[in-house]
Amino acid sequence: MADQETVRESRRNTQTSGSSGPSLDYQDLNRFFGPEGEYQITFDQNGKYRQLVKKEGDQTVQYFLYVYPDGNFDVLTGTKYVAQIKKDNPGKKLEALRSNLVRSNFLSQNDYAAKDSNAFTTAILKAGATQSVEQVDSFLIDESTKLTPFSDWAASRPTVSGAGGPTKSRTETTEADAAEMINNYTQQLLDRPATEEEKKLFFQQIKSAEKLAVVTRKDVGGVEVTSGSKLEDSDYREIAFNTLRKSVSSLTDEEIGKGTGALSQSVSTLKEYATQYGINLSNREAFNQVMNGMVEGGTLTTGKLDSQQQAIKNMAKTFYPSISNIIDNGGTVSSVADQFASAMSNILEIPSQSINVFDKRIQKALSNDGKPGVMTLTDFEIMLRNEPEWAKTKNAREEAAGYAASILQSFGLMA
């Protein structure tokens, strides 16, 4: 017992992970992962894989439950987790671990044959995330559950593909996991939970898609040949969006404008971007453009508005042909309009923040009556002095008084 305590104390002195150090007290699992625990089991950002995480400031950090060969356990970050596994499994043990990871399909045959160290690390993390969640789940259900070191767990994993002929595999998402996936996506997109109808429809659609997404493996001359593919994260996102398409399409203009989900934020972002290019989009017009980009390879995949923003630039070049070269070189319509707004503020004595690119006088300066380039500032100032507002300004009154004095002086009526 003294030797074991020495081991624990030594590890505590060198450990800098998220917990207080290696422990033999299984009740620490309740403290770490119970209802009031500092770690939680949640889905990754794509709503596909479960993982152990901890909130650290405004970030969510992934952790792993590591079980030492002597029964101690700890909660480690990914880097420390991989390092500890390699330390506890030297030489032939590490090679056996690589074999078990390829056998259980965490590591590909090609990466195994190439001895790719980065792929090996990725396989450890992927398998470690799976084991960590499995062990915590099991313990929280039955506290008599004994924790298993990672190498033993990997050795006990079933073989995914055998050598006796072709094998087929596919993903089968449970109804509970599907419900959590669509709920997370709906919360992100529309800032509300998914309805029961949406959960049911999403589960039906991914079941149908997963049945068709089959991977077949077979040995040909000692080389494993793989055909087919499973669904990727982008496939699940597309199915999720199609599930919500009816609800999204029925949003009113007011709901689009006041929403706080990613969809409404995209609409707001696109409207602001359009304003920079002198394009005034309504909520509905911006919404339609966002929706047009919700395709595979576009916003649906990247979460960005690249195609929609390019369309706005092209539109601006049509509306403002006199400054299309400025737009092509990275400038915006509003940056040009700001120069006229500054002059307008000074001459008409109005706050600059009350002037925008859509002011009719700014628009006239930008269009320049169809002539190349924009109106010169001199011509713009002359135009402003012919505006009714000019006569009401202090500058106009002082200028008029100056003219009157000059006339009186010319007739000798004023010194």
Protein backbone atom coordinates (compact mmCIF):
# COMPACT_ATOMS: atom_id res chain seq x y z
CA MET A 1 0.00 0.00 0.00
CA ALA A 2 2.87 2.37 0.77
CA ASP A 3 4.39 1.72 -2.67
CA GLN A 4 1.06 2.49 -4.29
CA GLU A 5 0.75 5.74 -2.34
CA THR A 6 4.27 6.67 -3.46
CA VAL A 7 3.25 6.13 -7.09
CA ARG A 8 0.14 8.27 -6.60
CA GLU A 9 2.11 11.05 -4.91
CA SER A 10 4.79 11.01 -7.60
CA ARG A 11 2.20 11.37 -10.31
CA ARG A 12 0.44 14.16 -8.47
CA ASN A 13 3.69 16.09 -8.38
CA THR A 14 4.17 15.81 -12.15
CA GLN A 15 0.54 15.99 -13.31
CA THR A 16 -0.86 19.25 -14.69
CA SER A 17 -4.16 18.04 -16.17
CA GLY A 18 -7.69 19.26 -15.51
CA SER A 19 -8.15 17.29 -12.25
CA SER A 20 -6.16 17.30 -9.04
CA GLY A 21 -4.06 14.25 -10.02
CA PRO A 22 -4.36 10.45 -10.39
CA SER A 23 -6.92 8.86 -8.10
CA LEU A 24 -7.96 5.40 -6.90
CA ASP A 25 -11.20 6.71 -5.43
CA TYR A 26 -13.97 5.89 -7.91
CA GLN A 27 -16.23 8.38 -6.20
CA ASP A 28 -14.10 11.05 -7.85
CA LEU A 29 -15.91 10.06 -11.06
CA ASN A 30 -19.15 11.31 -9.52
CA ARG A 31 -17.41 14.53 -8.54
CA PHE A 32 -16.00 14.96 -12.05
CA PHE A 33 -18.88 13.74 -14.22
CA GLY A 34 -22.00 13.65 -12.04
CA PRO A 35 -24.90 16.13 -12.31
CA GLU A 36 -22.83 18.79 -10.53
CA GLY A 37 -19.51 17.79 -12.09
CA GLU A 38 -17.12 20.13 -13.86
CA TYR A 39 -16.91 17.83 -16.90
CA GLN A 40 -19.81 16.91 -19.16
CA ILE A 41 -20.51 14.47 -21.95
CA THR A 42 -21.73 16.33 -25.01
CA PHE A 43 -21.71 16.15 -28.78
CA ASP A 44 -18.99 17.73 -30.87
CA GLN A 45 -19.78 20.94 -32.81
CA ASN A 46 -21.18 18.94 -35.73
CA GLY A 47 -23.56 17.01 -33.49
CA LYS A 48 -22.07 13.63 -34.47
CA TYR A 49 -19.59 12.33 -31.85
CA ARG A 50 -19.90 12.30 -28.06
CA GLN A 51 -16.97 13.57 -26.03
CA LEU A 52 -15.88 14.67 -22.54
CA VAL A 53 -15.59 18.44 -22.26
CA LYS A 54 -15.02 21.15 -19.69
CA LYS A 55 -15.88 24.83 -19.86
CA GLU A 56 -12.76 27.00 -19.45
CA GLY A 57 -13.65 30.67 -19.70
CA ASP A 58 -15.48 31.19 -22.98
CA GLN A 59 -14.02 28.02 -24.51
CA THR A 60 -15.07 24.37 -24.39
CA VAL A 61 -12.04 22.05 -24.08
CA GLN A 62 -12.08 18.31 -24.77
CA TYR A 63 -10.68 15.95 -22.11
CA PHE A 64 -10.03 12.19 -21.87
CA LEU A 65 -10.42 9.74 -19.00
CA TYR A 66 -7.11 7.92 -18.67
CA VAL A 67 -6.73 4.71 -16.65
CA TYR A 68 -3.17 3.85 -15.62
CA PRO A 69 -1.98 0.20 -15.65
CA ASP A 70 -2.00 0.17 -11.80
CA GLY A 71 -5.66 1.28 -11.59
CA ASN A 72 -5.16 5.02 -11.04
CA PHE A 73 -7.17 7.24 -13.31
CA ASP A 74 -7.07 10.89 -14.29
CA VAL A 75 -8.65 13.38 -16.68
CA LEU A 76 -6.17 14.65 -19.28
CA THR A 77 -6.05 16.96 -22.26
CA GLY A 78 -5.45 15.34 -25.66
CA THR A 79 -1.72 16.07 -25.77
CA LYS A 80 -1.08 14.65 -22.28
CA TYR A 81 -3.39 11.71 -22.98
CA VAL A 82 -1.42 10.60 -26.05
CA ALA A 83 1.92 11.16 -24.30
CA GLN A 84 0.84 9.05 -21.29
CA ILE A 85 -0.37 6.21 -23.51
CA LYS A 86 2.97 6.08 -25.33
CA LYS A 87 4.82 6.23 -22.01
CA ASP A 88 2.79 3.37 -20.47
CA ASN A 89 3.01 1.22 -23.64
CA PRO A 90 6.65 1.15 -24.75
CA GLY A 91 8.18 -1.00 -27.49
CA LYS A 92 6.13 -4.03 -28.50
CA LYS A 93 3.15 -2.87 -26.43
CA LEU A 94 2.83 0.25 -28.59
CA GLU A 95 3.05 -1.84 -31.76
CA ALA A 96 0.34 -4.14 -30.41
CA LEU A 97 -1.79 -1.07 -29.73
CA ARG A 98 -1.32 0.10 -33.33
CA SER A 99 -2.45 -3.33 -34.56
CA ASN A 100 -5.52 -3.25 -32.35
CA LEU A 101 -6.47 0.24 -33.54
CA VAL A 102 -6.28 -0.78 -37.20
CA ARG A 103 -8.17 -3.99 -36.46
CA SER A 104 -10.99 -2.02 -34.81
CA ASN A 105 -10.98 0.55 -37.65
CA PHE A 106 -9.68 3.55 -35.72
CA LEU A 107 -6.54 3.50 -37.90
CA SER A 108 -6.56 2.82 -41.66
CA GLN A 109 -4.56 0.01 -43.25
CA ASN A 110 -2.63 2.52 -45.37
CA ASP A 111 -1.63 4.64 -42.37
CA TYR A 112 -0.71 1.48 -40.45
CA ALA A 113 1.52 0.25 -43.28
CA ALA A 114 3.11 3.69 -43.67
CA LYS A 115 3.64 3.99 -39.90
CA ASP A 116 2.17 7.50 -40.08
CA SER A 117 2.73 8.99 -36.61
CA ASN A 118 0.17 11.78 -37.06
CA ALA A 119 -2.50 9.29 -38.13
CA PHE A 120 -1.58 7.11 -35.13
CA THR A 121 -2.07 10.07 -32.77
CA THR A 122 -5.43 10.88 -34.39
CA ALA A 123 -6.49 7.23 -34.02
CA ILE A 124 -5.55 7.26 -30.31
CA LEU A 125 -7.60 10.41 -29.74
CA LYS A 126 -10.59 9.07 -31.65
CA ALA A 127 -10.50 5.75 -29.81
CA GLY A 128 -9.77 7.50 -26.52
CA ALA A 129 -12.81 9.74 -26.88
CA THR A 130 -14.96 6.65 -27.49
CA GLN A 131 -13.50 4.76 -24.51
CA SER A 132 -13.72 7.76 -22.18
CA VAL A 133 -17.42 8.24 -22.86
CA GLU A 134 -18.13 4.50 -22.63
CA GLN A 135 -16.41 4.18 -19.24
CA VAL A 136 -18.04 7.25 -17.73
CA ASP A 137 -21.45 6.16 -19.04
CA SER A 138 -20.98 2.67 -17.58
CA PHE A 139 -19.87 3.96 -14.18
CA LEU A 140 -22.71 6.47 -13.85
CA ILE A 141 -25.16 3.64 -14.58
CA ASP A 142 -23.43 1.09 -12.32
CA GLU A 143 -20.89 2.32 -9.78
CA SER A 144 -19.46 -1.19 -9.40
CA THR A 145 -18.06 -0.92 -12.94
CA LYS A 146 -14.28 -1.35 -13.04
CA LEU A 147 -12.30 0.98 -15.25
CA THR A 148 -10.11 -0.55 -17.96
CA PRO A 149 -6.70 0.73 -19.14
CA PHE A 150 -6.75 1.97 -22.72
CA SER A 151 -4.49 -0.77 -24.15
CA ASP A 152 -6.69 -3.50 -22.61
CA TRP A 153 -9.83 -1.81 -23.92
CA ALA A 154 -8.34 -1.55 -27.44
CA ALA A 155 -7.37 -5.24 -27.36
CA SER A 156 -10.95 -6.21 -26.48
CA ARG A 157 -12.57 -4.25 -29.32
CA PRO A 158 -14.33 -6.33 -31.98
CA THR A 159 -12.70 -6.67 -35.38
CA VAL A 160 -14.44 -4.46 -37.92
CA SER A 161 -13.16 -6.20 -41.07
CA GLY A 162 -12.07 -9.82 -41.28
CA ALA A 163 -9.73 -11.69 -43.63
CA GLY A 164 -12.13 -14.40 -44.71
CA GLY A 165 -14.05 -12.44 -47.34
CA PRO A 166 -15.79 -9.10 -47.91
CA THR A 167 -17.31 -7.42 -44.90
CA LYS A 168 -19.84 -4.62 -44.88
CA SER A 169 -20.31 -1.91 -42.30
CA ARG A 170 -22.42 1.20 -41.93
CA THR A 171 -23.26 3.76 -39.31
CA GLU A 172 -26.46 3.25 -37.35
CA THR A 173 -27.45 6.35 -35.38
CA THR A 174 -29.82 5.73 -32.49
CA GLU A 175 -33.07 7.66 -32.23
CA ALA A 176 -31.84 9.39 -29.06
CA ASP A 177 -28.60 10.49 -30.72
CA ALA A 178 -30.50 11.66 -33.80
CA ALA A 179 -32.81 13.71 -31.60
CA GLU A 180 -29.85 15.38 -29.92
CA MET A 181 -28.17 16.05 -33.28
CA ILE A 182 -31.20 17.79 -34.83
CA ASN A 183 -31.91 19.61 -31.57
CA ASN A 184 -28.36 21.03 -31.49
CA TYR A 185 -28.55 22.04 -35.15
CA THR A 186 -31.98 23.69 -34.74
CA GLN A 187 -30.81 25.55 -31.65
CA GLN A 188 -27.82 26.87 -33.56
CA LEU A 189 -29.71 27.76 -36.74
CA LEU A 190 -33.00 29.09 -35.34
CA ASP A 191 -32.29 29.56 -31.62
CA ARG A 192 -35.04 27.18 -30.58
CA PRO A 193 -35.26 23.44 -29.81
CA ALA A 194 -36.40 21.01 -32.50
CA THR A 195 -40.05 19.96 -32.45
CA GLU A 196 -41.05 16.33 -32.00
CA GLU A 197 -42.14 16.26 -35.65
CA GLU A 198 -38.71 17.53 -36.76
CA LYS A 199 -36.93 14.95 -34.58
CA LYS A 200 -39.04 12.15 -36.07
CA LEU A 201 -38.50 13.33 -39.66
CA PHE A 202 -34.73 13.74 -39.17
CA PHE A 203 -34.39 10.24 -37.71
CA GLN A 204 -36.33 8.74 -40.62
CA GLN A 205 -34.19 10.56 -43.16
CA ILE A 206 -30.83 9.59 -41.65
CA LYS A 207 -31.96 5.96 -41.28
CA SER A 208 -32.72 5.89 -45.00
CA ALA A 209 -29.44 7.59 -45.88
CA GLU A 210 -27.35 5.35 -43.59
CA LYS A 211 -28.82 2.21 -45.13
CA LEU A 212 -27.39 3.27 -48.49
CA ALA A 213 -24.02 4.42 -47.09
CA VAL A 214 -22.29 1.04 -46.83
CA VAL A 215 -18.53 0.42 -46.75
CA THR A 216 -17.36 -2.92 -48.15
CA ARG A 217 -13.89 -4.28 -47.36
CA LYS A 218 -12.17 -7.35 -48.79
CA ASP A 219 -8.65 -8.74 -49.05
CA VAL A 220 -7.21 -8.94 -52.55
CA GLY A 221 -3.77 -10.51 -52.67
CA GLY A 222 -3.10 -9.53 -49.07
CA VAL A 223 -4.18 -5.93 -49.65
CA GLU A 224 -7.39 -4.61 -48.15
CA VAL A 225 -9.60 -3.02 -50.81
CA THR A 226 -12.34 -0.67 -49.64
CA SER A 227 -15.34 0.50 -51.64
CA GLY A 228 -18.28 2.72 -50.74
CA SER A 229 -18.38 5.36 -48.02
CA LYS A 230 -20.24 6.23 -44.85
CA LEU A 231 -22.07 9.49 -44.29
CA GLU A 232 -19.84 12.45 -43.45
CA ASP A 233 -20.56 15.41 -41.19
CA SER A 234 -21.58 17.49 -44.21
CA ASP A 235 -24.16 14.84 -45.14
CA TYR A 236 -25.76 15.03 -41.70
CA ARG A 237 -25.82 18.85 -41.88
CA GLU A 238 -27.55 18.71 -45.26
CA ILE A 239 -30.15 16.25 -43.95
CA ALA A 240 -30.69 18.44 -40.88
CA PHE A 241 -31.18 21.57 -42.98
CA ASN A 242 -33.59 19.77 -45.33
CA THR A 243 -35.51 18.63 -42.27
CA LEU A 244 -35.92 22.27 -41.18
CA ARG A 245 -36.47 23.72 -44.66
CA LYS A 246 -40.26 23.88 -44.25
CA SER A 247 -39.99 25.71 -40.92
CA VAL A 248 -37.32 28.05 -42.27
CA SER A 249 -39.32 28.90 -45.40
CA SER A 250 -42.37 29.86 -43.31
CA LEU A 251 -40.51 32.50 -41.24
CA THR A 252 -42.04 35.98 -41.48
CA ASP A 253 -39.97 39.08 -42.25
CA GLU A 254 -40.32 40.15 -38.62
CA GLU A 255 -39.13 36.77 -37.33
CA ILE A 256 -36.16 36.90 -39.69
CA GLY A 257 -35.21 40.39 -38.50
CA LYS A 258 -35.63 39.72 -34.78
CA GLY A 259 -34.21 36.19 -34.68
CA THR A 260 -30.98 35.45 -32.81
CA GLY A 261 -30.06 32.15 -34.46
CA ALA A 262 -27.32 31.67 -37.07
CA LEU A 263 -29.80 32.11 -39.92
CA SER A 264 -31.00 35.55 -38.77
CA GLN A 265 -27.41 36.56 -38.00
CA SER A 266 -26.44 35.61 -41.57
CA VAL A 267 -29.30 37.76 -42.90
CA SER A 268 -28.15 40.71 -40.77
CA THR A 269 -24.52 40.22 -41.85
CA LEU A 270 -25.48 40.12 -45.52
CA LYS A 271 -27.60 43.28 -45.23
CA GLU A 272 -24.70 45.15 -43.62
CA TYR A 273 -22.36 43.89 -46.32
CA ALA A 274 -24.79 45.00 -49.04
CA THR A 275 -24.98 48.49 -47.50
CA GLN A 276 -21.20 48.81 -47.88
CA TYR A 277 -21.73 48.31 -51.60
CA GLY A 278 -24.67 50.68 -51.92
CA ILE A 279 -27.27 47.91 -52.14
CA ASN A 280 -30.33 48.22 -49.90
CA LEU A 281 -31.66 44.73 -49.09
CA SER A 282 -34.86 44.06 -47.18
CA ASN A 283 -34.99 41.21 -44.65
CA ARG A 284 -36.76 39.03 -47.21
CA GLU A 285 -34.30 39.80 -50.02
CA ALA A 286 -31.30 39.06 -47.79
CA PHE A 287 -33.02 35.91 -46.50
CA ASN A 288 -33.62 34.66 -50.05
CA GLN A 289 -29.96 35.21 -50.93
CA VAL A 290 -28.80 33.36 -47.82
CA MET A 291 -31.12 30.47 -48.68
CA ASN A 292 -29.84 30.34 -52.28
CA GLY A 293 -26.36 29.69 -50.91
CA MET A 294 -27.50 26.90 -48.59
CA VAL A 295 -26.06 24.16 -50.79
CA GLU A 296 -23.33 21.55 -50.43
CA GLY A 297 -20.00 23.32 -50.87
CA GLY A 298 -21.60 26.66 -50.06
CA THR A 299 -22.94 28.14 -46.83
CA LEU A 300 -24.36 24.77 -45.78
CA THR A 301 -20.83 23.34 -45.69
CA THR A 302 -18.67 26.34 -44.80
CA GLY A 303 -21.04 28.48 -42.72
CA LYS A 304 -19.77 31.46 -44.75
CA LEU A 305 -21.52 33.81 -47.19
CA ASP A 306 -18.84 33.91 -49.89
CA SER A 307 -21.10 33.28 -52.89
CA GLN A 308 -23.78 35.70 -51.66
CA GLN A 309 -21.21 38.44 -51.03
CA GLN A 310 -19.73 37.96 -54.49
CA ALA A 311 -23.22 38.31 -55.98
CA ILE A 312 -23.62 41.63 -54.13
CA LYS A 313 -20.28 42.88 -55.48
CA ASN A 314 -21.36 41.99 -59.01
CA MET A 315 -24.66 43.78 -58.48
CA ALA A 316 -22.86 46.87 -57.17
CA LYS A 317 -20.66 46.98 -60.27
CA THR A 318 -23.83 47.04 -62.37
CA PHE A 319 -25.48 49.76 -60.26
CA TYR A 320 -22.30 51.86 -60.01
CA PRO A 321 -20.39 51.27 -63.26
CA SER A 322 -18.40 54.47 -62.76
CA ILE A 323 -16.54 52.93 -59.80
CA SER A 324 -16.49 49.26 -60.84
CA ASN A 325 -12.69 49.42 -61.04
CA ILE A 326 -12.57 50.56 -57.40
CA ILE A 327 -14.74 47.58 -56.41
CA ASP A 328 -12.52 45.21 -58.38
CA ASN A 329 -9.51 46.55 -56.48
CA GLY A 330 -11.02 45.90 -53.05
CA GLY A 331 -12.78 49.21 -52.42
CA THR A 332 -16.43 49.64 -51.46
CA VAL A 333 -19.14 52.02 -52.58
CA SER A 334 -19.51 53.35 -49.04
CA SER A 335 -15.80 54.22 -48.83
CA VAL A 336 -16.24 56.48 -51.87
CA ALA A 337 -19.56 57.82 -50.57
CA ASP A 338 -17.88 58.78 -47.26
CA GLN A 339 -15.82 61.43 -49.06
CA PHE A 340 -19.00 63.11 -50.32
CA ALA A 341 -20.73 62.66 -46.95
CA SER A 342 -17.89 64.55 -45.23
CA ALA A 343 -18.22 67.49 -47.64
CA MET A 344 -21.99 67.41 -47.32
CA SER A 345 -21.76 67.52 -43.52
CA ASN A 346 -19.49 70.57 -43.64
CA ILE A 347 -21.44 72.53 -46.25
CA LEU A 348 -25.00 71.79 -45.13
CA GLU A 349 -23.99 71.71 -41.44
CA ILE A 350 -25.65 68.39 -40.68
CA PRO A 351 -24.24 65.50 -38.58
CA SER A 352 -22.17 63.12 -40.71
CA GLN A 353 -23.76 60.08 -39.03
CA SER A 354 -27.15 61.11 -40.44
CA ILE A 355 -25.83 60.78 -44.01
CA ASN A 356 -25.51 57.41 -45.72
CA VAL A 357 -24.74 56.03 -49.16
CA PHE A 358 -28.43 56.02 -50.09
CA ASP A 359 -28.87 59.80 -49.77
CA LYS A 360 -30.13 61.07 -53.15
CA ARG A 361 -27.33 63.64 -53.39
CA ILE A 362 -24.67 61.04 -52.66
CA GLN A 363 -26.26 58.75 -55.24
CA LYS A 364 -26.15 61.56 -57.82
CA ALA A 365 -22.47 62.17 -57.10
CA LEU A 366 -21.73 58.45 -57.51
CA SER A 367 -23.66 58.11 -60.76
CA ASN A 368 -22.19 61.36 -62.17
CA ASP A 369 -24.92 61.46 -64.81
CA GLY A 370 -23.45 58.39 -66.48
CA LYS A 371 -20.07 59.97 -67.12
CA PRO A 372 -16.83 58.10 -66.28
CA GLY A 373 -15.75 58.33 -62.66
CA VAL A 374 -17.61 60.10 -59.89
CA MET A 375 -18.50 63.76 -59.54
CA THR A 376 -15.62 65.99 -58.47
CA LEU A 377 -15.83 67.42 -54.97
CA THR A 378 -15.89 70.91 -56.48
CA ASP A 379 -18.94 70.10 -58.60
CA PHE A 380 -20.53 68.35 -55.63
CA GLU A 381 -20.09 71.42 -53.42
CA ILE A 382 -21.59 73.67 -56.13
CA MET A 383 -24.56 71.30 -56.35
CA LEU A 384 -25.04 71.44 -52.58
CA ARG A 385 -25.01 75.23 -52.54
CA ASN A 386 -27.97 75.13 -54.92
CA GLU A 387 -29.92 72.99 -52.44
CA PRO A 388 -32.71 74.72 -50.36
CA GLU A 389 -30.96 73.56 -47.17
CA TRP A 390 -27.88 75.61 -48.00
CA ALA A 391 -29.75 78.93 -47.57
CA LYS A 392 -30.56 77.99 -43.96
CA THR A 393 -26.96 77.40 -42.92
CA LYS A 394 -24.68 79.72 -40.96
CA ASN A 395 -22.18 79.52 -43.80
CA ALA A 396 -24.80 80.75 -46.28
CA ARG A 397 -25.83 83.66 -44.06
CA GLU A 398 -22.21 84.71 -43.51
CA GLU A 399 -21.49 84.43 -47.22
CA ALA A 400 -24.59 86.52 -48.05
CA ALA A 401 -23.58 89.13 -45.49
CA GLY A 402 -20.14 89.23 -47.05
CA TYR A 403 -21.60 89.82 -50.47
CA ALA A 404 -23.80 92.66 -49.13
CA ALA A 405 -20.86 94.35 -47.44
CA SER A 406 -18.81 94.08 -50.60
CA ILE A 407 -21.56 95.77 -52.62
CA LEU A 408 -21.98 98.57 -50.11
CA GLN A 409 -18.22 99.11 -50.09
CA SER A 410 -18.17 99.32 -53.89
CA PHE A 411 -20.68 102.20 -53.75
CA GLY A 412 -18.78 103.94 -50.96
CA LEU A 413 -21.61 103.40 -48.53
CA MET A 414 -19.54 101.34 -46.12
CA ALA A 415 -16.02 101.84 -44.89
